[in-house]
Amino acid sequence: MTALLVSGASGTLGQILLAHLEPAFPRIIAVSRSRPAGLRPSDTFISADLSTHGGIADACSAVSTPITGVVLATGIDSRRSLTDLADSDFDTCMRTNCLSQLRLLAAAATHRAAASPLPVAVISSDVVGGSTTATLVYAASKAALEDGARHAVADDEAMPLLLMRLPDIGVPMGTPRDTPRPEPAPAARDAAECATAFLTTPPPTPAVRMWHHA
């Protein structure tokens, strides 16, 4: 049975994505540190700490089902500026937001369903190309993921790509599930709807599309 691979599935945006994607995909492979709420018996959960090389390797090795699409939504924040830039913080953010996502994309490409395109939706941020304060490290990691994904699809004509630059959805990254959370901004729902449409009806390949919230 084929499956859709979704990283960052337990985050606020990840849960919204799952709610939109589940009606369209009989099986989802969810990759995240904690188990997302509402997974169906047909779905698979891969528990992984994508901030570590070992966690990345374990997650990639667990991907073996034929994959029909990929959503890369993992993200950790970093409130560092040029004056307080720290090597360890940069390494962790870049490893989590960029390297782990490209490794998962490579694993999905290796196990792609035969004779079909592999649409890829990358959740990025509108801090890329902007000048939001104290987002130097986060912006660098998301920009690197975008460019990495562009180069990946350039090498594979059957891998349409959707780059999604979301604005702040109003829920801080890493907010514990058991603490009160503000209602996510409408951009989160709009992004999930756009990603679902792209993944269920991918454009002719090769194609790279960019989405910004209106």
N, C-alpha and C. Protein backbone atom coordinates (compact mmCIF):
# COMPACT_ATOMS: atom_id res chain seq x y z
N MET A 1 0.84 -1.19 0.00
CA MET A 1 0.00 0.00 0.00
C MET A 1 0.88 1.25 0.00
N THR A 2 0.60 2.18 -0.89
CA THR A 2 1.39 3.40 -0.98
C THR A 2 1.03 4.37 0.15
N ALA A 3 1.86 5.38 0.34
CA ALA A 3 1.64 6.32 1.44
C ALA A 3 2.19 7.70 1.10
N LEU A 4 1.66 8.69 1.81
CA LEU A 4 2.17 10.06 1.78
C LEU A 4 3.07 10.25 2.98
N LEU A 5 4.26 10.79 2.78
CA LEU A 5 5.21 11.02 3.86
C LEU A 5 5.10 12.47 4.34
N VAL A 6 4.88 12.65 5.65
CA VAL A 6 4.72 13.98 6.22
C VAL A 6 5.67 14.13 7.40
N SER A 7 6.59 15.09 7.33
CA SER A 7 7.46 15.36 8.47
C SER A 7 6.89 16.54 9.26
N GLY A 8 7.28 16.63 10.53
CA GLY A 8 6.76 17.70 11.38
C GLY A 8 5.28 17.55 11.66
N ALA A 9 4.81 16.30 11.70
CA ALA A 9 3.37 16.03 11.74
C ALA A 9 2.71 16.36 13.07
N SER A 10 3.48 16.48 14.15
CA SER A 10 2.86 16.74 15.45
C SER A 10 2.82 18.22 15.81
N GLY A 11 3.41 19.08 14.99
CA GLY A 11 3.37 20.51 15.25
C GLY A 11 1.99 21.09 14.96
N THR A 12 1.81 22.34 15.30
CA THR A 12 0.51 22.99 15.07
C THR A 12 0.13 22.93 13.59
N LEU A 13 1.04 23.33 12.73
CA LEU A 13 0.75 23.28 11.30
C LEU A 13 0.64 21.83 10.82
N GLY A 14 1.49 20.95 11.35
CA GLY A 14 1.44 19.55 10.97
C GLY A 14 0.09 18.93 11.23
N GLN A 15 -0.51 19.25 12.38
CA GLN A 15 -1.83 18.69 12.71
C GLN A 15 -2.90 19.23 11.76
N ILE A 16 -2.79 20.50 11.39
CA ILE A 16 -3.74 21.07 10.43
C ILE A 16 -3.57 20.42 9.07
N LEU A 17 -2.33 20.19 8.67
CA LEU A 17 -2.06 19.50 7.42
C LEU A 17 -2.66 18.11 7.42
N LEU A 18 -2.46 17.36 8.50
CA LEU A 18 -3.00 16.00 8.57
C LEU A 18 -4.51 15.99 8.42
N ALA A 19 -5.18 16.94 9.07
CA ALA A 19 -6.65 16.99 9.01
C ALA A 19 -7.13 17.19 7.57
N HIS A 20 -6.37 17.93 6.78
CA HIS A 20 -6.75 18.15 5.38
C HIS A 20 -6.31 17.00 4.48
N LEU A 21 -5.18 16.39 4.80
CA LEU A 21 -4.62 15.36 3.93
C LEU A 21 -5.26 13.99 4.10
N GLU A 22 -5.70 13.67 5.31
CA GLU A 22 -6.21 12.32 5.57
C GLU A 22 -7.37 11.92 4.68
N PRO A 23 -8.34 12.80 4.40
CA PRO A 23 -9.42 12.37 3.50
C PRO A 23 -8.94 12.02 2.09
N ALA A 24 -7.81 12.59 1.68
CA ALA A 24 -7.32 12.39 0.32
C ALA A 24 -6.32 11.24 0.20
N PHE A 25 -5.74 10.81 1.32
CA PHE A 25 -4.71 9.76 1.28
C PHE A 25 -5.06 8.64 2.26
N PRO A 26 -5.25 7.42 1.77
CA PRO A 26 -5.62 6.30 2.65
C PRO A 26 -4.57 6.00 3.71
N ARG A 27 -3.31 6.33 3.42
CA ARG A 27 -2.26 6.05 4.40
C ARG A 27 -1.26 7.20 4.42
N ILE A 28 -0.90 7.61 5.63
CA ILE A 28 0.10 8.65 5.83
C ILE A 28 1.18 8.12 6.75
N ILE A 29 2.43 8.39 6.40
CA ILE A 29 3.56 8.10 7.28
C ILE A 29 3.96 9.42 7.94
N ALA A 30 3.73 9.52 9.24
CA ALA A 30 3.97 10.76 9.98
C ALA A 30 5.29 10.67 10.72
N VAL A 31 6.18 11.62 10.47
CA VAL A 31 7.49 11.66 11.12
C VAL A 31 7.53 12.87 12.05
N SER A 32 7.74 12.62 13.33
CA SER A 32 7.85 13.72 14.30
C SER A 32 8.37 13.16 15.61
N ARG A 33 8.69 14.06 16.52
CA ARG A 33 9.24 13.62 17.80
C ARG A 33 8.16 12.95 18.66
N SER A 34 6.96 13.52 18.67
CA SER A 34 5.84 12.95 19.42
C SER A 34 4.75 12.51 18.47
N ARG A 35 3.91 11.61 18.92
CA ARG A 35 2.86 11.06 18.06
C ARG A 35 1.77 12.09 17.80
N PRO A 36 1.44 12.36 16.55
CA PRO A 36 0.37 13.31 16.25
C PRO A 36 -0.98 12.77 16.72
N ALA A 37 -1.86 13.66 17.10
CA ALA A 37 -3.21 13.25 17.48
C ALA A 37 -3.99 12.87 16.23
N GLY A 38 -4.88 11.90 16.39
CA GLY A 38 -5.81 11.57 15.31
C GLY A 38 -5.29 10.68 14.21
N LEU A 39 -4.13 10.05 14.39
CA LEU A 39 -3.67 9.13 13.35
C LEU A 39 -4.62 7.94 13.25
N ARG A 40 -4.86 7.48 12.04
CA ARG A 40 -5.75 6.34 11.80
C ARG A 40 -4.99 5.03 11.92
N PRO A 41 -5.70 3.90 12.09
CA PRO A 41 -5.03 2.60 12.14
C PRO A 41 -4.19 2.32 10.89
N SER A 42 -4.59 2.89 9.76
CA SER A 42 -3.85 2.65 8.52
C SER A 42 -2.57 3.47 8.42
N ASP A 43 -2.45 4.50 9.27
CA ASP A 43 -1.28 5.37 9.23
C ASP A 43 -0.11 4.77 10.02
N THR A 44 1.08 5.30 9.75
CA THR A 44 2.29 4.86 10.43
C THR A 44 2.96 6.06 11.08
N PHE A 45 3.41 5.88 12.32
CA PHE A 45 4.13 6.93 13.03
C PHE A 45 5.59 6.54 13.17
N ILE A 46 6.48 7.42 12.73
CA ILE A 46 7.92 7.24 12.91
C ILE A 46 8.38 8.26 13.92
N SER A 47 8.76 7.81 15.10
CA SER A 47 9.25 8.70 16.15
C SER A 47 10.72 9.00 15.91
N ALA A 48 11.05 10.29 15.78
CA ALA A 48 12.44 10.63 15.47
C ALA A 48 12.77 12.03 15.97
N ASP A 49 13.96 12.15 16.52
CA ASP A 49 14.50 13.45 16.89
C ASP A 49 15.36 13.92 15.72
N LEU A 50 14.81 14.77 14.87
CA LEU A 50 15.49 15.18 13.65
C LEU A 50 16.54 16.25 13.89
N SER A 51 16.81 16.57 15.16
CA SER A 51 17.89 17.50 15.46
C SER A 51 19.22 16.77 15.61
N THR A 52 19.21 15.44 15.55
CA THR A 52 20.43 14.63 15.71
C THR A 52 20.69 13.81 14.45
N HIS A 53 21.95 13.54 14.18
CA HIS A 53 22.29 12.71 13.02
C HIS A 53 21.72 11.31 13.17
N GLY A 54 21.75 10.76 14.38
CA GLY A 54 21.20 9.43 14.60
C GLY A 54 19.71 9.38 14.37
N GLY A 55 19.01 10.40 14.85
CA GLY A 55 17.57 10.46 14.64
C GLY A 55 17.21 10.57 13.17
N ILE A 56 17.98 11.34 12.43
CA ILE A 56 17.74 11.47 10.98
C ILE A 56 17.95 10.12 10.30
N ALA A 57 19.04 9.44 10.64
CA ALA A 57 19.33 8.15 10.02
C ALA A 57 18.24 7.13 10.34
N ASP A 58 17.77 7.11 11.59
CA ASP A 58 16.73 6.17 11.98
C ASP A 58 15.43 6.44 11.23
N ALA A 59 15.07 7.71 11.10
CA ALA A 59 13.84 8.05 10.39
C ALA A 59 13.91 7.64 8.93
N CYS A 60 15.04 7.91 8.30
CA CYS A 60 15.18 7.58 6.88
C CYS A 60 15.16 6.07 6.65
N SER A 61 15.79 5.33 7.54
CA SER A 61 15.82 3.87 7.38
C SER A 61 14.45 3.25 7.60
N ALA A 62 13.55 3.95 8.30
CA ALA A 62 12.21 3.43 8.56
C ALA A 62 11.26 3.67 7.38
N VAL A 63 11.68 4.46 6.41
CA VAL A 63 10.86 4.71 5.24
C VAL A 63 11.08 3.59 4.23
N SER A 64 10.09 2.72 4.06
CA SER A 64 10.24 1.59 3.14
C SER A 64 9.00 1.38 2.27
N THR A 65 7.87 1.96 2.66
CA THR A 65 6.64 1.86 1.89
C THR A 65 6.75 2.68 0.60
N PRO A 66 6.16 2.24 -0.51
CA PRO A 66 6.15 3.08 -1.71
C PRO A 66 5.50 4.43 -1.43
N ILE A 67 6.21 5.50 -1.75
CA ILE A 67 5.79 6.86 -1.41
C ILE A 67 5.21 7.56 -2.64
N THR A 68 4.05 8.20 -2.46
CA THR A 68 3.39 8.88 -3.57
C THR A 68 3.47 10.41 -3.46
N GLY A 69 3.95 10.92 -2.35
CA GLY A 69 4.07 12.35 -2.17
C GLY A 69 4.78 12.66 -0.86
N VAL A 70 5.28 13.89 -0.73
CA VAL A 70 6.07 14.28 0.43
C VAL A 70 5.66 15.67 0.89
N VAL A 71 5.50 15.83 2.21
CA VAL A 71 5.30 17.14 2.81
C VAL A 71 6.41 17.34 3.84
N LEU A 72 7.24 18.34 3.66
CA LEU A 72 8.34 18.62 4.57
C LEU A 72 7.97 19.82 5.42
N ALA A 73 7.48 19.54 6.64
CA ALA A 73 6.95 20.60 7.51
C ALA A 73 7.68 20.72 8.83
N THR A 74 8.79 20.00 8.99
CA THR A 74 9.55 20.10 10.23
C THR A 74 10.17 21.49 10.35
N GLY A 75 10.12 22.04 11.55
CA GLY A 75 10.75 23.34 11.76
C GLY A 75 10.98 23.63 13.23
N ILE A 76 12.17 24.12 13.56
CA ILE A 76 12.43 24.65 14.89
C ILE A 76 12.89 26.09 14.73
N ASP A 77 12.54 26.90 15.69
CA ASP A 77 12.85 28.33 15.62
C ASP A 77 14.22 28.60 16.24
N SER A 78 14.78 29.74 15.92
CA SER A 78 16.02 30.19 16.54
C SER A 78 15.99 31.70 16.58
N ARG A 79 15.96 32.26 17.75
CA ARG A 79 15.92 33.71 17.88
C ARG A 79 17.32 34.25 18.13
N ARG A 80 18.15 34.12 17.11
CA ARG A 80 19.52 34.60 17.17
C ARG A 80 19.73 35.70 16.13
N SER A 81 20.53 36.66 16.47
CA SER A 81 20.90 37.71 15.53
C SER A 81 22.40 37.64 15.31
N LEU A 82 22.93 38.53 14.52
CA LEU A 82 24.36 38.51 14.21
C LEU A 82 25.21 38.72 15.45
N THR A 83 24.71 39.45 16.43
CA THR A 83 25.50 39.77 17.61
C THR A 83 25.57 38.63 18.62
N ASP A 84 24.65 37.67 18.54
CA ASP A 84 24.69 36.55 19.50
C ASP A 84 24.66 35.20 18.79
N LEU A 85 25.18 35.16 17.58
CA LEU A 85 25.21 33.93 16.79
C LEU A 85 26.06 32.88 17.50
N ALA A 86 25.48 31.69 17.67
CA ALA A 86 26.16 30.59 18.36
C ALA A 86 26.28 29.39 17.43
N ASP A 87 27.45 28.78 17.39
CA ASP A 87 27.68 27.65 16.49
C ASP A 87 26.72 26.50 16.75
N SER A 88 26.53 26.13 18.01
CA SER A 88 25.69 24.97 18.32
C SER A 88 24.25 25.22 17.92
N ASP A 89 23.76 26.43 18.14
CA ASP A 89 22.39 26.77 17.77
C ASP A 89 22.23 26.73 16.25
N PHE A 90 23.20 27.26 15.54
CA PHE A 90 23.15 27.24 14.08
C PHE A 90 23.16 25.81 13.56
N ASP A 91 24.06 24.99 14.10
CA ASP A 91 24.16 23.60 13.64
C ASP A 91 22.86 22.84 13.86
N THR A 92 22.27 23.00 15.05
CA THR A 92 21.03 22.28 15.36
C THR A 92 19.89 22.71 14.46
N CYS A 93 19.75 24.02 14.26
CA CYS A 93 18.67 24.54 13.43
C CYS A 93 18.85 24.12 11.97
N MET A 94 20.05 24.21 11.46
CA MET A 94 20.31 23.82 10.07
C MET A 94 20.12 22.31 9.88
N ARG A 95 20.54 21.53 10.85
CA ARG A 95 20.38 20.08 10.76
C ARG A 95 18.90 19.69 10.77
N THR A 96 18.13 20.35 11.63
CA THR A 96 16.72 20.01 11.76
C THR A 96 15.90 20.51 10.58
N ASN A 97 16.06 21.79 10.25
CA ASN A 97 15.21 22.42 9.25
C ASN A 97 15.62 22.14 7.81
N CYS A 98 16.88 21.79 7.60
CA CYS A 98 17.35 21.58 6.23
C CYS A 98 17.86 20.16 5.99
N LEU A 99 18.92 19.76 6.68
CA LEU A 99 19.53 18.46 6.39
C LEU A 99 18.54 17.32 6.56
N SER A 100 17.81 17.29 7.68
CA SER A 100 16.88 16.18 7.93
C SER A 100 15.82 16.11 6.84
N GLN A 101 15.36 17.27 6.37
CA GLN A 101 14.31 17.29 5.36
C GLN A 101 14.82 16.79 4.01
N LEU A 102 16.03 17.17 3.65
CA LEU A 102 16.60 16.68 2.40
C LEU A 102 16.90 15.18 2.47
N ARG A 103 17.32 14.71 3.64
CA ARG A 103 17.55 13.27 3.81
C ARG A 103 16.24 12.49 3.68
N LEU A 104 15.16 13.00 4.26
CA LEU A 104 13.87 12.34 4.14
C LEU A 104 13.38 12.37 2.69
N LEU A 105 13.63 13.48 2.00
CA LEU A 105 13.26 13.56 0.60
C LEU A 105 14.02 12.52 -0.22
N ALA A 106 15.29 12.34 0.08
CA ALA A 106 16.08 11.33 -0.62
C ALA A 106 15.54 9.93 -0.34
N ALA A 107 15.16 9.67 0.91
CA ALA A 107 14.59 8.36 1.25
C ALA A 107 13.28 8.14 0.51
N ALA A 108 12.45 9.17 0.44
CA ALA A 108 11.18 9.05 -0.27
C ALA A 108 11.40 8.80 -1.75
N ALA A 109 12.38 9.50 -2.33
CA ALA A 109 12.68 9.32 -3.75
C ALA A 109 13.16 7.91 -4.03
N THR A 110 13.92 7.35 -3.11
CA THR A 110 14.41 5.98 -3.27
C THR A 110 13.27 4.98 -3.25
N HIS A 111 12.23 5.27 -2.45
CA HIS A 111 11.11 4.34 -2.29
C HIS A 111 9.84 4.85 -2.98
N ARG A 112 9.99 5.71 -3.96
CA ARG A 112 8.82 6.27 -4.64
C ARG A 112 8.00 5.18 -5.32
N ALA A 113 6.69 5.41 -5.38
CA ALA A 113 5.82 4.49 -6.10
C ALA A 113 6.21 4.48 -7.57
N ALA A 114 6.19 3.31 -8.16
CA ALA A 114 6.66 3.15 -9.54
C ALA A 114 5.79 3.91 -10.53
N ALA A 115 6.43 4.44 -11.56
CA ALA A 115 5.76 5.05 -12.72
C ALA A 115 4.78 6.15 -12.35
N SER A 116 5.12 6.96 -11.35
CA SER A 116 4.25 8.08 -10.99
C SER A 116 5.11 9.23 -10.51
N PRO A 117 4.64 10.46 -10.68
CA PRO A 117 5.40 11.61 -10.16
C PRO A 117 5.43 11.60 -8.64
N LEU A 118 6.39 12.28 -8.07
CA LEU A 118 6.51 12.40 -6.63
C LEU A 118 6.39 13.87 -6.26
N PRO A 119 5.17 14.39 -6.06
CA PRO A 119 5.03 15.79 -5.70
C PRO A 119 5.58 16.06 -4.30
N VAL A 120 6.23 17.20 -4.15
CA VAL A 120 6.87 17.57 -2.89
C VAL A 120 6.42 18.96 -2.48
N ALA A 121 5.86 19.08 -1.28
CA ALA A 121 5.47 20.38 -0.72
C ALA A 121 6.42 20.71 0.43
N VAL A 122 7.11 21.83 0.32
CA VAL A 122 8.08 22.26 1.33
C VAL A 122 7.50 23.45 2.09
N ILE A 123 7.37 23.30 3.41
CA ILE A 123 6.87 24.39 4.24
C ILE A 123 8.04 25.28 4.63
N SER A 124 8.06 26.47 4.05
CA SER A 124 9.11 27.44 4.34
C SER A 124 8.48 28.61 5.10
N SER A 125 9.11 29.75 5.05
CA SER A 125 8.65 30.89 5.83
C SER A 125 8.89 32.18 5.05
N ASP A 126 8.02 33.18 5.30
CA ASP A 126 8.23 34.45 4.62
C ASP A 126 9.36 35.27 5.22
N VAL A 127 10.06 34.72 6.24
CA VAL A 127 11.27 35.40 6.69
C VAL A 127 12.38 35.26 5.65
N VAL A 128 12.26 34.24 4.77
CA VAL A 128 13.22 34.11 3.67
C VAL A 128 12.98 35.26 2.70
N GLY A 129 14.01 36.02 2.45
CA GLY A 129 13.89 37.17 1.57
C GLY A 129 13.39 38.42 2.27
N GLY A 130 13.06 38.29 3.56
CA GLY A 130 12.60 39.45 4.32
C GLY A 130 13.65 39.94 5.28
N SER A 131 13.23 40.71 6.26
CA SER A 131 14.18 41.28 7.22
C SER A 131 13.61 41.26 8.63
N THR A 132 12.89 40.20 8.99
CA THR A 132 12.34 40.09 10.33
C THR A 132 13.47 40.00 11.34
N THR A 133 13.39 40.76 12.42
CA THR A 133 14.48 40.78 13.39
C THR A 133 14.64 39.45 14.10
N ALA A 134 15.87 39.15 14.48
CA ALA A 134 16.22 37.96 15.26
C ALA A 134 15.78 36.65 14.60
N THR A 135 15.87 36.59 13.28
CA THR A 135 15.55 35.34 12.58
C THR A 135 16.69 34.91 11.68
N LEU A 136 17.89 35.40 11.94
CA LEU A 136 19.02 35.12 11.06
C LEU A 136 19.21 33.61 10.85
N VAL A 137 19.29 32.85 11.92
CA VAL A 137 19.56 31.41 11.81
C VAL A 137 18.38 30.68 11.19
N TYR A 138 17.17 30.99 11.65
CA TYR A 138 15.98 30.34 11.12
C TYR A 138 15.83 30.63 9.62
N ALA A 139 16.02 31.88 9.23
CA ALA A 139 15.90 32.25 7.82
C ALA A 139 16.97 31.53 6.99
N ALA A 140 18.18 31.44 7.50
CA ALA A 140 19.25 30.77 6.77
C ALA A 140 18.91 29.30 6.54
N SER A 141 18.35 28.65 7.55
CA SER A 141 18.03 27.22 7.42
C SER A 141 16.90 26.99 6.43
N LYS A 142 15.88 27.86 6.45
CA LYS A 142 14.76 27.70 5.52
C LYS A 142 15.17 28.05 4.09
N ALA A 143 16.02 29.06 3.93
CA ALA A 143 16.52 29.40 2.60
C ALA A 143 17.35 28.25 2.04
N ALA A 144 18.15 27.63 2.89
CA ALA A 144 18.97 26.49 2.45
C ALA A 144 18.08 25.33 2.03
N LEU A 145 16.99 25.09 2.77
CA LEU A 145 16.08 24.01 2.39
C LEU A 145 15.42 24.30 1.04
N GLU A 146 14.99 25.53 0.85
CA GLU A 146 14.37 25.88 -0.43
C GLU A 146 15.32 25.61 -1.59
N ASP A 147 16.55 26.11 -1.47
CA ASP A 147 17.51 25.92 -2.56
C ASP A 147 17.88 24.45 -2.74
N GLY A 148 18.01 23.73 -1.61
CA GLY A 148 18.30 22.31 -1.70
C GLY A 148 17.20 21.57 -2.44
N ALA A 149 15.95 21.90 -2.12
CA ALA A 149 14.82 21.25 -2.78
C ALA A 149 14.77 21.59 -4.27
N ARG A 150 15.07 22.85 -4.61
CA ARG A 150 15.11 23.24 -6.02
C ARG A 150 16.13 22.40 -6.79
N HIS A 151 17.29 22.23 -6.20
CA HIS A 151 18.32 21.44 -6.87
C HIS A 151 17.95 19.97 -6.94
N ALA A 152 17.26 19.47 -5.93
CA ALA A 152 16.84 18.07 -5.94
C ALA A 152 15.88 17.80 -7.09
N VAL A 153 14.91 18.69 -7.30
CA VAL A 153 13.94 18.44 -8.37
C VAL A 153 14.55 18.72 -9.74
N ALA A 154 15.59 19.55 -9.78
CA ALA A 154 16.26 19.78 -11.06
C ALA A 154 16.90 18.49 -11.58
N ASP A 155 17.25 17.61 -10.65
CA ASP A 155 17.86 16.33 -11.02
C ASP A 155 16.82 15.25 -11.29
N ASP A 156 15.54 15.57 -11.11
CA ASP A 156 14.48 14.56 -11.24
C ASP A 156 13.26 15.21 -11.89
N GLU A 157 13.03 14.93 -13.15
CA GLU A 157 11.96 15.59 -13.88
C GLU A 157 10.57 15.18 -13.43
N ALA A 158 10.45 14.12 -12.67
CA ALA A 158 9.13 13.65 -12.21
C ALA A 158 8.89 14.00 -10.75
N MET A 159 9.44 15.14 -10.30
CA MET A 159 9.29 15.56 -8.91
C MET A 159 8.85 17.02 -8.86
N PRO A 160 7.56 17.30 -9.08
CA PRO A 160 7.09 18.69 -8.98
C PRO A 160 7.23 19.21 -7.56
N LEU A 161 7.53 20.49 -7.44
CA LEU A 161 7.85 21.08 -6.14
C LEU A 161 6.97 22.29 -5.86
N LEU A 162 6.45 22.36 -4.65
CA LEU A 162 5.71 23.52 -4.17
C LEU A 162 6.44 24.08 -2.96
N LEU A 163 6.94 25.31 -3.07
CA LEU A 163 7.60 26.00 -1.96
C LEU A 163 6.58 26.93 -1.33
N MET A 164 6.33 26.78 -0.04
CA MET A 164 5.27 27.53 0.63
C MET A 164 5.87 28.43 1.70
N ARG A 165 5.86 29.73 1.45
CA ARG A 165 6.40 30.69 2.42
C ARG A 165 5.26 31.22 3.30
N LEU A 166 5.13 30.64 4.48
CA LEU A 166 4.06 31.02 5.38
C LEU A 166 4.43 32.23 6.22
N PRO A 167 3.46 33.07 6.52
CA PRO A 167 3.67 34.11 7.53
C PRO A 167 3.57 33.48 8.92
N ASP A 168 3.80 34.24 9.94
CA ASP A 168 3.64 33.80 11.32
C ASP A 168 2.18 33.37 11.52
N ILE A 169 1.96 32.12 11.96
CA ILE A 169 0.59 31.64 12.13
C ILE A 169 0.07 31.90 13.54
N GLY A 170 0.86 32.56 14.38
CA GLY A 170 0.37 32.98 15.69
C GLY A 170 0.52 31.98 16.80
N VAL A 171 1.17 30.83 16.53
CA VAL A 171 1.42 29.83 17.56
C VAL A 171 2.92 29.57 17.60
N PRO A 172 3.62 29.95 18.68
CA PRO A 172 5.07 29.77 18.72
C PRO A 172 5.47 28.32 18.54
N MET A 173 6.55 28.10 17.79
CA MET A 173 7.06 26.74 17.61
C MET A 173 7.48 26.17 18.96
N GLY A 174 7.23 24.89 19.14
CA GLY A 174 7.63 24.23 20.37
C GLY A 174 6.66 24.42 21.52
N THR A 175 5.49 25.02 21.27
CA THR A 175 4.50 25.17 22.34
C THR A 175 4.01 23.79 22.77
N PRO A 176 4.14 23.43 24.05
CA PRO A 176 3.70 22.10 24.50
C PRO A 176 2.23 21.86 24.19
N ARG A 177 1.91 20.62 23.83
CA ARG A 177 0.55 20.28 23.44
C ARG A 177 -0.44 20.46 24.58
N ASP A 178 0.02 20.29 25.82
CA ASP A 178 -0.90 20.34 26.96
C ASP A 178 -1.04 21.74 27.55
N THR A 179 -0.53 22.76 26.87
CA THR A 179 -0.68 24.14 27.34
C THR A 179 -1.65 24.87 26.41
N PRO A 180 -2.34 25.87 26.92
CA PRO A 180 -3.28 26.61 26.07
C PRO A 180 -2.55 27.25 24.89
N ARG A 181 -3.16 27.14 23.71
CA ARG A 181 -2.58 27.72 22.51
C ARG A 181 -3.56 28.70 21.88
N PRO A 182 -3.04 29.76 21.32
CA PRO A 182 -3.93 30.65 20.57
C PRO A 182 -4.42 29.95 19.31
N GLU A 183 -5.53 30.43 18.79
CA GLU A 183 -6.05 29.87 17.54
C GLU A 183 -5.10 30.22 16.40
N PRO A 184 -4.69 29.22 15.59
CA PRO A 184 -3.79 29.53 14.47
C PRO A 184 -4.42 30.51 13.50
N ALA A 185 -3.60 31.33 12.88
CA ALA A 185 -4.07 32.29 11.89
C ALA A 185 -4.64 31.56 10.67
N PRO A 186 -5.54 32.20 9.93
CA PRO A 186 -6.13 31.56 8.74
C PRO A 186 -5.11 31.09 7.72
N ALA A 187 -3.92 31.67 7.73
CA ALA A 187 -2.88 31.26 6.78
C ALA A 187 -2.55 29.78 6.91
N ALA A 188 -2.64 29.23 8.13
CA ALA A 188 -2.33 27.82 8.33
C ALA A 188 -3.32 26.94 7.58
N ARG A 189 -4.60 27.25 7.69
CA ARG A 189 -5.62 26.48 6.98
C ARG A 189 -5.48 26.65 5.47
N ASP A 190 -5.22 27.87 5.03
CA ASP A 190 -5.07 28.13 3.59
C ASP A 190 -3.88 27.35 3.03
N ALA A 191 -2.80 27.30 3.78
CA ALA A 191 -1.62 26.55 3.34
C ALA A 191 -1.93 25.06 3.24
N ALA A 192 -2.66 24.53 4.20
CA ALA A 192 -3.02 23.11 4.18
C ALA A 192 -3.89 22.78 2.98
N GLU A 193 -4.82 23.67 2.67
CA GLU A 193 -5.69 23.45 1.51
C GLU A 193 -4.88 23.49 0.21
N CYS A 194 -3.96 24.42 0.12
CA CYS A 194 -3.13 24.53 -1.08
C CYS A 194 -2.23 23.31 -1.24
N ALA A 195 -1.61 22.88 -0.15
CA ALA A 195 -0.74 21.70 -0.21
C ALA A 195 -1.52 20.46 -0.61
N THR A 196 -2.72 20.29 -0.07
CA THR A 196 -3.54 19.13 -0.39
C THR A 196 -3.91 19.12 -1.87
N ALA A 197 -4.30 20.27 -2.40
CA ALA A 197 -4.64 20.36 -3.82
C ALA A 197 -3.44 20.03 -4.70
N PHE A 198 -2.27 20.53 -4.32
CA PHE A 198 -1.05 20.28 -5.09
C PHE A 198 -0.69 18.80 -5.07
N LEU A 199 -0.79 18.17 -3.92
CA LEU A 199 -0.38 16.78 -3.78
C LEU A 199 -1.35 15.81 -4.44
N THR A 200 -2.61 16.16 -4.47
CA THR A 200 -3.61 15.26 -5.08
C THR A 200 -3.70 15.45 -6.60
N THR A 201 -3.37 16.66 -7.07
CA THR A 201 -3.38 16.92 -8.52
C THR A 201 -2.12 17.67 -8.90
N PRO A 202 -0.99 16.99 -8.90
CA PRO A 202 0.27 17.68 -9.19
C PRO A 202 0.29 18.21 -10.61
N PRO A 203 0.98 19.33 -10.82
CA PRO A 203 1.06 19.92 -12.17
C PRO A 203 1.96 19.08 -13.07
N PRO A 204 1.92 19.33 -14.37
CA PRO A 204 2.85 18.63 -15.27
C PRO A 204 4.29 18.86 -14.83
N THR A 205 5.09 17.84 -14.97
CA THR A 205 6.48 17.94 -14.56
C THR A 205 7.36 18.27 -15.75
N PRO A 206 8.54 18.91 -15.52
CA PRO A 206 9.00 19.43 -14.23
C PRO A 206 8.32 20.75 -13.89
N ALA A 207 8.15 21.04 -12.63
CA ALA A 207 7.49 22.27 -12.23
C ALA A 207 7.95 22.67 -10.83
N VAL A 208 8.18 23.97 -10.64
CA VAL A 208 8.45 24.53 -9.32
C VAL A 208 7.48 25.69 -9.12
N ARG A 209 6.69 25.61 -8.09
CA ARG A 209 5.73 26.67 -7.80
C ARG A 209 6.02 27.28 -6.43
N MET A 210 5.69 28.55 -6.31
CA MET A 210 5.87 29.27 -5.04
C MET A 210 4.52 29.74 -4.56
N TRP A 211 4.26 29.54 -3.25
CA TRP A 211 3.00 29.99 -2.65
C TRP A 211 3.29 31.00 -1.55
N HIS A 212 2.59 32.11 -1.63
CA HIS A 212 2.61 33.12 -0.57
C HIS A 212 1.18 33.34 -0.12
N HIS A 213 0.99 33.59 1.15
CA HIS A 213 -0.35 33.87 1.62
C HIS A 213 -0.74 35.28 1.21
N ALA A 214 -1.96 35.39 0.69
CA ALA A 214 -2.43 36.69 0.21
C ALA A 214 -2.61 37.66 1.38
